[in-house]
């Protein structure tokens, strides 16, 4: 046995004693959550509530199973996320809470309060010192830094900028206020392919920094643009792009460093649970849900965010890609599924860099339960 332990529970069920809610509870127990949370621990349960219009975020009934287990340990759980940098249904705490409740995360369902970790407008955060190549300190939401313990619930899926979104990205973007998200995107510069741009102006309405104006074509003010990718996501003609080879590696490195800052205060009082279900090509931040690219697989748990993300990628890549999905290639077992969708991004680079800075290890032992 070598590396970090990663536990896997598959979604196949043939009897009522092993339904998925029971499996999630067993996963919490076997992976050691009972050794992390003690009585009265204010426990942040970090997840993504989904942008309004998205429907493939983690199911609230699955989250309730984790909450019930924390309550059995006499911890005090609260569901949490941070406000977005882009304009949308989670841009401030009031809208964010409404979206979460509309998506099923009401108290009556999850038996747990909802707290937006960075406050009403994303201004409630703490500077956390790290020793990174890009940052010497990072800005982490105070609702995260003030918690006694944390359980990071991650829906693993694709992502247009990062290649894929796993536990590391959930820590990095998800625990940072908008200004911290901007820190991570810094250096990314959106560009316009004028041969494709029709000058419709939709990107201008969606830019949170007013960095775009339209003449005959969209024009991006590089002195204002932070590379948040909101314009890339909404352009109907796919006329906006980034210099992937230049910008994306630095973006992934910045995310890894922010993850280090988000996790380091908890020391051993943190557990990661990743959901390998509804594995879509896009982040849950988009206002739609495309069909999954591989079948549902199951649930992972680990104390190591690098190991759990490495295992998630390996397990997803072992599947055969679904026909009729966004996969352009790499349908066969063993082939990289997310580069089959986002061929210009090698999302696995973040794992290499995260290991280098001490966030965790890519070496793992998979224990199937």
Protein backbone atom coordinates (compact mmCIF):
# COMPACT_ATOMS: atom_id res chain seq x y z
CA UNK A 1 0.00 0.00 0.00
CA UNK A 2 1.44 3.37 -1.00
CA UNK A 3 0.31 6.98 -1.23
CA UNK A 4 -2.88 8.43 0.19
CA UNK A 5 -5.97 6.33 0.76
CA UNK A 6 -8.89 7.00 -1.58
CA UNK A 7 -12.15 5.18 -0.93
CA UNK A 8 -14.60 4.35 -3.72
CA UNK A 9 -18.25 3.35 -3.43
CA UNK A 10 -19.93 2.64 -6.77
CA UNK A 11 -23.51 3.63 -7.57
CA UNK A 12 -24.65 0.12 -8.56
CA UNK A 13 -27.45 -0.88 -6.15
CA UNK A 14 -29.55 -4.05 -6.05
CA UNK A 15 -31.05 -4.01 -2.55
CA UNK A 16 -32.54 -1.42 -0.15
CA UNK A 17 -29.83 -1.92 2.48
CA UNK A 18 -27.24 -0.50 0.07
CA UNK A 19 -28.96 2.46 -1.53
CA UNK A 20 -26.80 5.47 -2.36
CA UNK A 21 -27.73 7.35 0.81
CA UNK A 22 -26.50 4.41 2.87
CA UNK A 23 -23.38 4.20 0.72
CA UNK A 24 -22.55 7.86 1.34
CA UNK A 25 -23.01 7.41 5.08
CA UNK A 26 -20.75 4.33 5.03
CA UNK A 27 -18.18 6.28 3.04
CA UNK A 28 -18.19 9.02 5.70
CA UNK A 29 -17.62 6.45 8.42
CA UNK A 30 -14.96 4.33 6.70
CA UNK A 31 -12.97 7.33 5.45
CA UNK A 32 -12.60 8.64 9.01
CA UNK A 33 -14.97 11.58 9.28
CA UNK A 34 -15.70 10.48 12.85
CA UNK A 35 -12.06 11.09 13.73
CA UNK A 36 -12.13 14.60 12.25
CA UNK A 37 -15.25 16.13 13.78
CA UNK A 38 -15.81 16.36 17.51
CA UNK A 39 -18.73 17.70 19.54
CA UNK A 40 -19.59 21.36 18.87
CA UNK A 41 -17.29 21.67 15.83
CA UNK A 42 -18.65 24.32 13.48
CA UNK A 43 -18.31 22.33 10.28
CA UNK A 44 -18.30 24.00 6.88
CA UNK A 45 -19.80 21.72 4.26
CA UNK A 46 -18.40 23.29 1.11
CA UNK A 47 -20.29 22.65 -2.12
CA UNK A 48 -21.57 24.34 -5.26
CA UNK A 49 -25.30 25.11 -5.28
CA UNK A 50 -25.39 25.36 -9.08
CA UNK A 51 -26.07 28.42 -11.21
CA UNK A 52 -29.76 29.02 -11.90
CA UNK A 53 -30.67 26.89 -14.93
CA UNK A 54 -28.09 24.23 -14.13
CA UNK A 55 -29.50 20.91 -12.85
CA UNK A 56 -26.53 18.55 -12.43
CA UNK A 57 -25.08 19.85 -9.16
CA UNK A 58 -24.87 17.40 -6.25
CA UNK A 59 -28.33 16.16 -5.27
CA UNK A 60 -29.57 17.72 -1.99
CA UNK A 61 -30.59 14.26 -0.70
CA UNK A 62 -26.96 13.16 -1.07
CA UNK A 63 -25.84 16.21 0.87
CA UNK A 64 -28.41 15.44 3.57
CA UNK A 65 -26.76 12.05 4.11
CA UNK A 66 -23.47 13.79 4.94
CA UNK A 67 -25.24 16.31 7.20
CA UNK A 68 -26.98 13.50 9.11
CA UNK A 69 -23.64 11.83 9.74
CA UNK A 70 -22.08 15.06 11.02
CA UNK A 71 -25.04 15.54 13.37
CA UNK A 72 -24.52 12.01 14.73
CA UNK A 73 -21.01 13.17 15.64
CA UNK A 74 -22.59 16.18 17.43
CA UNK A 75 -20.94 18.59 15.05
CA UNK A 76 -22.67 21.76 13.89
CA UNK A 77 -22.77 21.70 10.09
CA UNK A 78 -23.58 24.54 7.74
CA UNK A 79 -23.67 24.51 3.94
CA UNK A 80 -21.53 27.16 2.34
CA UNK A 81 -20.12 28.61 -0.86
CA UNK A 82 -18.78 32.01 -1.95
CA UNK A 83 -20.12 34.67 -4.29
CA UNK A 84 -19.17 34.69 -7.95
CA UNK A 85 -16.96 37.15 -9.80
CA UNK A 86 -19.19 37.01 -12.88
CA UNK A 87 -22.73 38.40 -13.10
CA UNK A 88 -25.31 35.71 -12.37
CA UNK A 89 -27.66 34.19 -9.84
CA UNK A 90 -24.92 33.80 -7.18
CA UNK A 91 -23.19 37.19 -7.51
CA UNK A 92 -24.34 38.36 -4.04
CA UNK A 93 -25.49 36.51 -0.93
CA UNK A 94 -29.17 37.40 -1.29
CA UNK A 95 -29.43 36.00 -4.82
CA UNK A 96 -27.10 33.15 -3.92
CA UNK A 97 -29.34 31.95 -1.09
CA UNK A 98 -32.44 32.16 -3.27
CA UNK A 99 -30.73 30.06 -5.93
CA UNK A 100 -29.62 27.48 -3.37
CA UNK A 101 -33.14 27.15 -1.98
CA UNK A 102 -34.66 26.90 -5.47
CA UNK A 103 -32.24 24.08 -6.17
CA UNK A 104 -33.43 22.11 -3.17
CA UNK A 105 -31.00 23.17 -0.44
CA UNK A 106 -33.74 24.45 1.85
CA UNK A 107 -33.49 23.78 5.59
CA UNK A 108 -36.46 21.41 5.42
CA UNK A 109 -34.53 19.23 2.96
CA UNK A 110 -30.94 19.34 4.22
CA UNK A 111 -31.55 20.01 7.96
CA UNK A 112 -28.79 22.58 7.88
CA UNK A 113 -28.38 26.37 7.68
CA UNK A 114 -26.93 28.03 4.57
CA UNK A 115 -24.18 30.61 5.06
CA UNK A 116 -22.51 32.45 2.19
CA UNK A 117 -18.94 32.41 3.43
CA UNK A 118 -17.75 35.78 2.09
CA UNK A 119 -20.71 37.90 3.16
CA UNK A 120 -23.34 39.94 1.36
CA UNK A 121 -21.16 41.33 -1.45
CA UNK A 122 -18.09 39.13 -1.15
CA UNK A 123 -16.10 41.51 1.03
CA UNK A 124 -15.73 39.34 4.14
CA UNK A 125 -12.43 37.50 3.89
CA UNK A 126 -9.10 36.94 5.62
CA UNK A 127 -5.54 37.10 4.30
CA UNK A 128 -3.84 33.70 4.66
CA UNK A 129 -0.07 33.49 4.36
CA UNK A 130 1.41 30.85 2.04
CA UNK A 131 4.78 30.26 0.39
CA UNK A 132 3.83 30.05 -3.27
CA UNK A 133 5.45 30.92 -6.53
CA UNK A 134 2.69 33.38 -7.41
CA UNK A 135 1.31 34.37 -3.99
CA UNK A 136 2.72 35.00 -0.53
CA UNK A 137 -0.81 35.41 0.80
CA UNK A 138 -4.25 34.50 -0.51
CA UNK A 139 -7.70 35.83 0.32
CA UNK A 140 -10.02 33.20 1.80
CA UNK A 141 -13.66 33.75 2.85
CA UNK A 142 -14.00 34.28 6.59
CA UNK A 143 -16.84 31.77 6.85
CA UNK A 144 -14.26 29.17 5.81
CA UNK A 145 -11.31 30.35 7.91
CA UNK A 146 -13.48 30.66 11.04
CA UNK A 147 -14.84 27.10 10.79
CA UNK A 148 -13.48 24.34 13.06
CA UNK A 149 -13.65 21.62 10.40
CA UNK A 150 -14.60 21.27 6.75
CA UNK A 151 -16.09 18.65 4.46
CA UNK A 152 -15.52 19.46 0.79
CA UNK A 153 -18.27 18.03 -1.42
CA UNK A 154 -17.25 18.17 -5.06
CA UNK A 155 -19.17 17.41 -8.24
CA UNK A 156 -16.43 16.31 -10.65
CA UNK A 157 -17.07 17.60 -14.17
CA UNK A 158 -15.40 19.35 -17.09
CA UNK A 159 -14.41 23.01 -17.23
CA UNK A 160 -13.73 25.29 -20.19
CA UNK A 161 -10.64 26.91 -18.63
CA UNK A 162 -9.30 24.30 -16.19
CA UNK A 163 -10.10 21.19 -18.24
CA UNK A 164 -11.92 19.68 -15.27
CA UNK A 165 -13.23 20.78 -11.92
CA UNK A 166 -12.42 18.63 -8.89
CA UNK A 167 -11.64 19.06 -5.20
CA UNK A 168 -8.69 21.37 -5.82
CA UNK A 169 -10.76 23.76 -7.89
CA UNK A 170 -13.58 23.58 -5.33
CA UNK A 171 -11.10 24.70 -2.67
CA UNK A 172 -9.48 27.37 -4.80
CA UNK A 173 -12.37 29.17 -6.45
CA UNK A 174 -15.03 28.00 -4.04
CA UNK A 175 -13.34 29.27 -0.87
CA UNK A 176 -12.23 32.59 -2.35
CA UNK A 177 -14.24 35.83 -2.46
CA UNK A 178 -14.64 37.54 -5.86
CA UNK A 179 -11.36 39.44 -5.38
CA UNK A 180 -9.61 36.12 -4.72
CA UNK A 181 -11.16 34.61 -7.82
CA UNK A 182 -9.84 37.63 -9.71
CA UNK A 183 -6.37 36.93 -8.28
CA UNK A 184 -6.46 33.44 -9.75
CA UNK A 185 -7.63 34.61 -13.17
CA UNK A 186 -5.07 37.42 -13.29
CA UNK A 187 -2.95 37.21 -16.41
CA UNK A 188 -5.64 35.48 -18.46
CA UNK A 189 -6.46 37.72 -21.42
CA UNK A 190 -9.52 37.14 -23.58
CA UNK A 191 -9.09 37.73 -27.30
CA UNK A 192 -11.59 38.10 -30.15
CA UNK A 193 -11.57 36.19 -33.42
CA UNK A 194 -12.95 38.95 -35.63
CA UNK A 195 -13.76 36.55 -38.45
CA UNK A 196 -16.30 34.84 -36.17
CA UNK A 197 -17.59 37.84 -34.18
CA UNK A 198 -20.91 39.26 -35.41
CA UNK A 199 -20.95 42.19 -32.97
CA UNK A 200 -24.13 41.03 -31.24
CA UNK A 201 -23.04 42.64 -27.94
CA UNK A 202 -24.09 39.82 -25.64
CA UNK A 203 -20.57 39.51 -24.24
CA UNK A 204 -20.67 43.20 -23.31
CA UNK A 205 -23.77 42.67 -21.15
CA UNK A 206 -22.19 39.73 -19.31
CA UNK A 207 -18.75 41.18 -18.51
CA UNK A 208 -18.53 41.91 -14.75
CA UNK A 209 -15.66 44.37 -15.26
CA UNK A 210 -17.09 46.38 -18.19
CA UNK A 211 -14.01 45.34 -20.17
CA UNK A 212 -15.88 44.82 -23.46
CA UNK A 213 -17.52 47.28 -25.80
CA UNK A 214 -18.83 46.67 -29.28
CA UNK A 215 -18.04 48.71 -32.35
CA UNK A 216 -18.50 46.62 -35.48
CA UNK A 217 -16.93 43.79 -33.51
CA UNK A 218 -16.34 43.15 -29.82
CA UNK A 219 -13.31 45.00 -28.44
CA UNK A 220 -11.69 43.91 -25.17
CA UNK A 221 -9.85 46.42 -22.97
CA UNK A 222 -6.90 44.38 -21.75
CA UNK A 223 -6.14 46.85 -18.97
CA UNK A 224 -9.49 45.95 -17.38
CA UNK A 225 -10.02 42.30 -18.40
CA UNK A 226 -9.32 39.71 -15.69
CA UNK A 227 -9.93 36.66 -17.86
CA UNK A 228 -12.92 35.39 -15.90
CA UNK A 229 -14.20 33.58 -19.06
CA UNK A 230 -17.80 34.80 -18.71
CA UNK A 231 -17.63 36.10 -22.28
CA UNK A 232 -16.17 32.85 -23.58
CA UNK A 233 -19.00 30.89 -21.99
CA UNK A 234 -21.82 32.97 -23.49
CA UNK A 235 -20.55 33.92 -26.98
CA UNK A 236 -22.99 32.30 -29.44
CA UNK A 237 -20.36 32.26 -32.19
CA UNK A 238 -17.45 30.99 -30.03
CA UNK A 239 -15.51 34.04 -31.19
CA UNK A 240 -13.71 34.64 -27.87
CA UNK A 241 -10.69 32.61 -26.84
CA UNK A 242 -7.54 32.62 -24.71
CA UNK A 243 -3.91 31.95 -25.44
CA UNK A 244 -4.10 28.50 -23.89
CA UNK A 245 -0.40 27.60 -23.95
CA UNK A 246 0.64 30.91 -22.39
CA UNK A 247 -2.12 31.62 -19.90
CA UNK A 248 -3.67 28.36 -18.69
CA UNK A 249 -0.63 26.83 -16.89
CA UNK A 250 -0.27 30.00 -14.79
CA UNK A 251 -4.00 29.96 -14.07
CA UNK A 252 -3.81 26.35 -12.85
CA UNK A 253 -0.79 27.18 -10.68
CA UNK A 254 -2.61 30.09 -9.07
CA UNK A 255 -5.59 27.85 -8.34
CA UNK A 256 -3.37 25.26 -6.68
CA UNK A 257 -1.82 27.93 -4.46
CA UNK A 258 -5.22 29.24 -3.45
CA UNK A 259 -6.22 25.67 -2.58
CA UNK A 260 -3.21 25.43 -0.33
CA UNK A 261 -4.30 28.57 1.50
CA UNK A 262 -7.90 27.38 1.86
CA UNK A 263 -6.93 24.00 3.30
CA UNK A 264 -3.92 24.72 5.48
CA UNK A 265 -5.79 26.14 8.47
CA UNK A 266 -7.72 22.90 8.99
CA UNK A 267 -4.62 20.68 9.20
CA UNK A 268 -6.16 17.21 9.70
CA UNK A 269 -9.73 18.40 10.23
CA UNK A 270 -10.81 18.23 6.60
CA UNK A 271 -12.27 15.50 4.38
CA UNK A 272 -12.98 15.46 0.65
CA UNK A 273 -15.94 13.63 -0.88
CA UNK A 274 -16.21 13.70 -4.66
CA UNK A 275 -19.31 12.76 -6.62
CA UNK A 276 -18.66 11.00 -9.93
CA UNK A 277 -22.22 11.34 -11.16
CA UNK A 278 -23.69 13.49 -13.93
CA UNK A 279 -20.17 14.02 -15.28
CA UNK A 280 -20.92 16.87 -17.66
CA UNK A 281 -18.51 18.80 -19.92
CA UNK A 282 -19.08 22.15 -18.19
CA UNK A 283 -18.80 23.68 -14.74
CA UNK A 284 -21.97 23.97 -12.64
CA UNK A 285 -21.47 27.74 -13.00
CA UNK A 286 -23.05 27.68 -16.47
CA UNK A 287 -26.82 28.21 -16.80
CA UNK A 288 -27.42 24.85 -18.48
CA UNK A 289 -26.48 21.20 -18.10
CA UNK A 290 -25.21 19.27 -21.09
CA UNK A 291 -25.56 15.48 -21.16
CA UNK A 292 -22.91 13.45 -19.30
CA UNK A 293 -19.82 12.26 -21.17
CA UNK A 294 -19.48 8.96 -19.25
CA UNK A 295 -21.92 6.89 -17.14
CA UNK A 296 -22.38 7.53 -13.42
CA UNK A 297 -19.61 5.86 -11.44
CA UNK A 298 -19.91 6.50 -7.71
CA UNK A 299 -18.50 8.42 -4.76
CA UNK A 300 -14.92 8.96 -3.60
CA UNK A 301 -13.56 10.05 -0.21
CA UNK A 302 -10.06 10.97 0.93
CA UNK A 303 -8.16 13.26 3.27
CA UNK A 304 -5.94 14.27 0.32
CA UNK A 305 -7.31 16.62 -2.38
CA UNK A 306 -4.56 15.80 -4.88
CA UNK A 307 -5.01 12.06 -4.50
CA UNK A 308 -8.80 12.22 -4.79
CA UNK A 309 -8.60 14.33 -7.96
CA UNK A 310 -5.98 12.01 -9.44
CA UNK A 311 -8.14 8.99 -8.67
CA UNK A 312 -11.24 10.70 -10.08
CA UNK A 313 -9.48 11.38 -13.39
CA UNK A 314 -8.12 7.83 -13.59
CA UNK A 315 -11.51 6.26 -12.87
CA UNK A 316 -13.37 8.51 -15.31
CA UNK A 317 -10.82 7.77 -18.02
CA UNK A 318 -11.35 4.03 -17.52
CA UNK A 319 -14.95 4.42 -18.69
CA UNK A 320 -16.18 4.26 -22.25
CA UNK A 321 -17.42 7.66 -23.42
CA UNK A 322 -21.11 8.09 -24.11
CA UNK A 323 -22.21 8.52 -27.70
CA UNK A 324 -24.23 11.64 -28.42
CA UNK A 325 -22.33 13.63 -25.78
CA UNK A 326 -19.89 16.51 -26.23
CA UNK A 327 -16.95 14.10 -26.54
CA UNK A 328 -15.24 14.81 -29.84
CA UNK A 329 -12.71 11.98 -29.40
CA UNK A 330 -11.18 9.76 -26.68
CA UNK A 331 -14.26 7.56 -26.36
CA UNK A 332 -12.30 4.40 -25.59
CA UNK A 333 -11.49 3.19 -22.04
CA UNK A 334 -8.10 4.52 -20.96
CA UNK A 335 -8.29 7.68 -23.05
CA UNK A 336 -8.44 11.16 -21.48
CA UNK A 337 -12.11 12.10 -21.46
CA UNK A 338 -11.87 15.78 -20.56
CA UNK A 339 -9.33 16.52 -23.28
CA UNK A 340 -11.83 14.79 -25.54
CA UNK A 341 -14.05 17.80 -24.85
CA UNK A 342 -11.56 20.60 -24.11
CA UNK A 343 -8.63 19.56 -26.24
CA UNK A 344 -6.61 22.71 -25.62
CA UNK A 345 -6.34 22.25 -21.82
CA UNK A 346 -4.37 19.58 -19.96
CA UNK A 347 -6.22 19.77 -16.67
CA UNK A 348 -3.93 17.20 -15.06
CA UNK A 349 -1.16 19.82 -14.84
CA UNK A 350 -2.78 21.24 -11.69
CA UNK A 351 -2.18 17.89 -9.96
CA UNK A 352 1.53 18.02 -10.74
CA UNK A 353 1.86 21.57 -9.47
CA UNK A 354 -0.30 20.94 -6.38
CA UNK A 355 1.92 18.03 -5.42
CA UNK A 356 5.01 20.19 -5.94
CA UNK A 357 3.81 22.85 -3.47
CA UNK A 358 2.83 20.29 -0.82
CA UNK A 359 -0.97 20.23 -1.12
CA UNK A 360 -0.99 16.43 -1.40
CA UNK A 361 0.31 13.52 -3.44
CA UNK A 362 -0.68 12.00 -6.77
CA UNK A 363 0.20 8.57 -5.41
CA UNK A 364 -2.82 6.78 -4.01
CA UNK A 365 -4.21 3.42 -2.98
CA UNK A 366 -7.81 2.86 -4.07
CA UNK A 367 -9.99 0.98 -1.59
CA UNK A 368 -13.35 -0.08 -2.99
CA UNK A 369 -16.09 -0.50 -0.38
